[in-house]
Amino acid sequence: MSDRISQLQDQLNQLAEQMCNAVGILQQSALPSSLPGSDVLLSSTTVKHDSGSDVPPADHPVWFATLIARCAQEVDLLIDQLPADDVNQDQLTAAIKKTDTNNREAVGNLNDTVHKGQRLLGRIQTALVDVSACETDIRKLNL
């Protein structure tokens, strides 16, 4: 559960970063404008499009839209994978009892298998003792 929440937090952080970067690109590529009745431009900086990225400036809106949409889909997917809160106490108790019953049956089967294995091991050890005694008797006869 905590792993899913951590993944969700990472995706939300990535989504916020994508949104901030998209706003930054919009600000960077915006043309200077003036207020009505004023001759002063609100932005007097020149627009530089050499940001060192592989994406041409004209493709930035499409590129960021794709990244944001993909990240939003990941967030939706992670939210859908979170456990539901609508499980009531009776359902939870029934599931625990069923699991406990299954565990008890598995313990019984395991104990039966261990006992069978121990009996088989005893028979094998008895057979090995008999084989060893026979080999000892054969060696004595050959000498």
Protein backbone atom coordinates (compact mmCIF):
# COMPACT_ATOMS: atom_id res chain seq x y z
CA MET A 1 0.00 0.00 0.00
CA SER A 2 2.73 2.45 0.92
CA ASP A 3 4.57 1.59 -2.29
CA ARG A 4 1.51 2.52 -4.34
CA ILE A 5 1.11 5.76 -2.43
CA SER A 6 4.79 6.56 -3.02
CA GLN A 7 4.35 5.86 -6.74
CA LEU A 8 1.27 8.08 -6.77
CA GLN A 9 3.17 10.88 -5.02
CA ASP A 10 6.03 10.57 -7.53
CA GLN A 11 3.58 10.76 -10.44
CA LEU A 12 1.86 13.81 -8.94
CA ASN A 13 5.25 15.50 -8.47
CA GLN A 14 6.12 14.69 -12.07
CA LEU A 15 2.75 16.08 -13.22
CA ALA A 16 3.36 19.30 -11.29
CA GLU A 17 6.84 19.56 -12.82
CA GLN A 18 5.41 19.06 -16.32
CA MET A 19 2.79 21.75 -15.72
CA CYS A 20 5.41 24.21 -14.41
CA ASN A 21 7.66 23.52 -17.37
CA ALA A 22 4.75 24.02 -19.77
CA VAL A 23 3.94 27.39 -18.17
CA GLY A 24 7.62 28.31 -18.39
CA ILE A 25 7.69 27.50 -22.10
CA LEU A 26 4.53 29.57 -22.60
CA GLN A 27 6.16 32.51 -20.81
CA GLN A 28 9.38 32.05 -22.76
CA SER A 29 7.67 31.99 -26.12
CA ALA A 30 5.08 34.72 -25.42
CA LEU A 31 5.31 37.86 -27.49
CA PRO A 32 5.67 41.21 -25.73
CA SER A 33 2.39 43.02 -25.20
CA SER A 34 1.34 46.44 -24.01
CA LEU A 35 -1.52 47.68 -21.92
CA PRO A 36 -4.15 49.75 -23.68
CA GLY A 37 -3.29 53.44 -23.48
CA SER A 38 0.38 52.76 -22.70
CA ASP A 39 3.39 52.66 -24.97
CA VAL A 40 5.48 50.57 -22.55
CA LEU A 41 5.90 46.90 -23.41
CA LEU A 42 5.30 44.49 -20.55
CA SER A 43 8.08 42.23 -21.74
CA SER A 44 11.18 43.72 -23.21
CA THR A 45 13.26 40.56 -23.31
CA THR A 46 14.06 38.90 -26.56
CA VAL A 47 12.74 35.41 -27.04
CA LYS A 48 15.42 32.75 -27.24
CA HIS A 49 14.38 29.44 -28.70
CA ASP A 50 17.72 27.70 -28.26
CA SER A 51 16.93 25.81 -25.07
CA GLY A 52 19.18 22.88 -25.90
CA SER A 53 16.25 20.46 -26.19
CA ASP A 54 15.64 18.05 -29.05
CA VAL A 55 12.09 19.33 -29.49
CA PRO A 56 11.65 22.31 -31.84
CA PRO A 57 9.97 25.31 -30.17
CA ALA A 58 6.90 24.99 -32.40
CA ASP A 59 6.33 21.44 -31.09
CA HIS A 60 6.59 22.35 -27.38
CA PRO A 61 2.83 22.74 -26.81
CA VAL A 62 2.09 19.34 -28.36
CA TRP A 63 5.00 17.72 -26.58
CA PHE A 64 4.03 19.06 -23.15
CA ALA A 65 0.36 18.22 -23.76
CA THR A 66 1.39 14.63 -24.52
CA LEU A 67 3.58 14.42 -21.42
CA ILE A 68 0.89 15.89 -19.18
CA ALA A 69 -1.79 13.59 -20.59
CA ARG A 70 0.42 10.52 -20.16
CA CYS A 71 1.26 11.51 -16.59
CA ALA A 72 -2.43 12.12 -15.80
CA GLN A 73 -3.26 8.64 -17.15
CA GLU A 74 -0.59 7.14 -14.89
CA VAL A 75 -2.09 8.98 -11.91
CA ASP A 76 -5.56 7.64 -12.79
CA LEU A 77 -4.19 4.12 -13.13
CA LEU A 78 -2.43 4.30 -9.74
CA ILE A 79 -5.56 5.67 -8.09
CA ASP A 80 -7.60 2.79 -9.53
CA GLN A 81 -5.10 0.31 -8.08
CA LEU A 82 -5.53 1.61 -4.54
CA PRO A 83 -7.62 -0.70 -2.34
CA ALA A 84 -11.27 0.18 -1.93
CA ASP A 85 -12.51 1.54 1.39
CA ASP A 86 -16.03 0.16 0.98
CA VAL A 87 -15.21 -3.26 2.51
CA ASN A 88 -17.23 -3.66 5.70
CA GLN A 89 -16.16 -5.42 8.87
CA ASP A 90 -18.32 -8.51 8.22
CA GLN A 91 -16.71 -9.12 4.82
CA LEU A 92 -13.26 -8.65 6.32
CA THR A 93 -14.02 -11.07 9.17
CA ALA A 94 -15.37 -13.66 6.73
CA ALA A 95 -12.26 -13.37 4.55
CA ILE A 96 -10.00 -13.77 7.58
CA LYS A 97 -11.94 -16.86 8.76
CA LYS A 98 -11.73 -18.42 5.30
CA THR A 99 -7.99 -17.77 5.16
CA ASP A 100 -7.58 -19.23 8.65
CA THR A 101 -9.52 -22.37 7.63
CA ASN A 102 -7.38 -22.76 4.51
CA ASN A 103 -4.23 -22.33 6.59
CA ARG A 104 -5.36 -24.99 9.09
CA GLU A 105 -6.06 -27.44 6.25
CA ALA A 106 -2.64 -26.72 4.76
CA VAL A 107 -0.99 -27.30 8.15
CA GLY A 108 -2.81 -30.63 8.48
CA ASN A 109 -1.72 -31.71 4.99
CA LEU A 110 1.85 -30.66 5.75
CA ASN A 111 1.90 -32.60 9.02
CA ASP A 112 0.56 -35.74 7.26
CA THR A 113 3.22 -35.41 4.57
CA VAL A 114 5.98 -34.94 7.17
CA HIS A 115 4.84 -38.04 9.09
CA LYS A 116 4.73 -40.10 5.90
CA GLY A 117 8.21 -38.84 5.01
CA GLN A 118 9.55 -39.76 8.46
CA ARG A 119 8.10 -43.28 8.21
CA LEU A 120 9.62 -43.67 4.75
CA LEU A 121 12.96 -42.39 6.03
CA GLY A 122 12.87 -44.96 8.85
CA ARG A 123 12.23 -47.76 6.35
CA ILE A 124 15.08 -46.55 4.15
CA GLN A 125 17.44 -46.38 7.13
CA THR A 126 16.44 -49.92 8.17
CA ALA A 127 17.07 -51.12 4.61
CA LEU A 128 20.50 -49.41 4.61
CA VAL A 129 21.40 -51.13 7.88
CA ASP A 130 20.39 -54.48 6.35
CA VAL A 131 22.44 -53.76 3.20
CA SER A 132 25.44 -52.79 5.30
CA ALA A 133 25.12 -55.98 7.40
CA CYS A 134 24.93 -58.08 4.23
CA GLU A 135 28.03 -56.37 2.78
CA THR A 136 29.90 -57.01 6.02
CA ASP A 137 28.90 -60.69 5.97
CA ILE A 138 29.98 -61.01 2.30
CA ARG A 139 33.38 -59.46 3.05
CA LYS A 140 33.89 -61.87 5.92
CA LEU A 141 33.11 -64.85 3.66
CA ASN A 142 35.46 -63.60 0.91
CA LEU A 143 38.40 -63.34 3.28
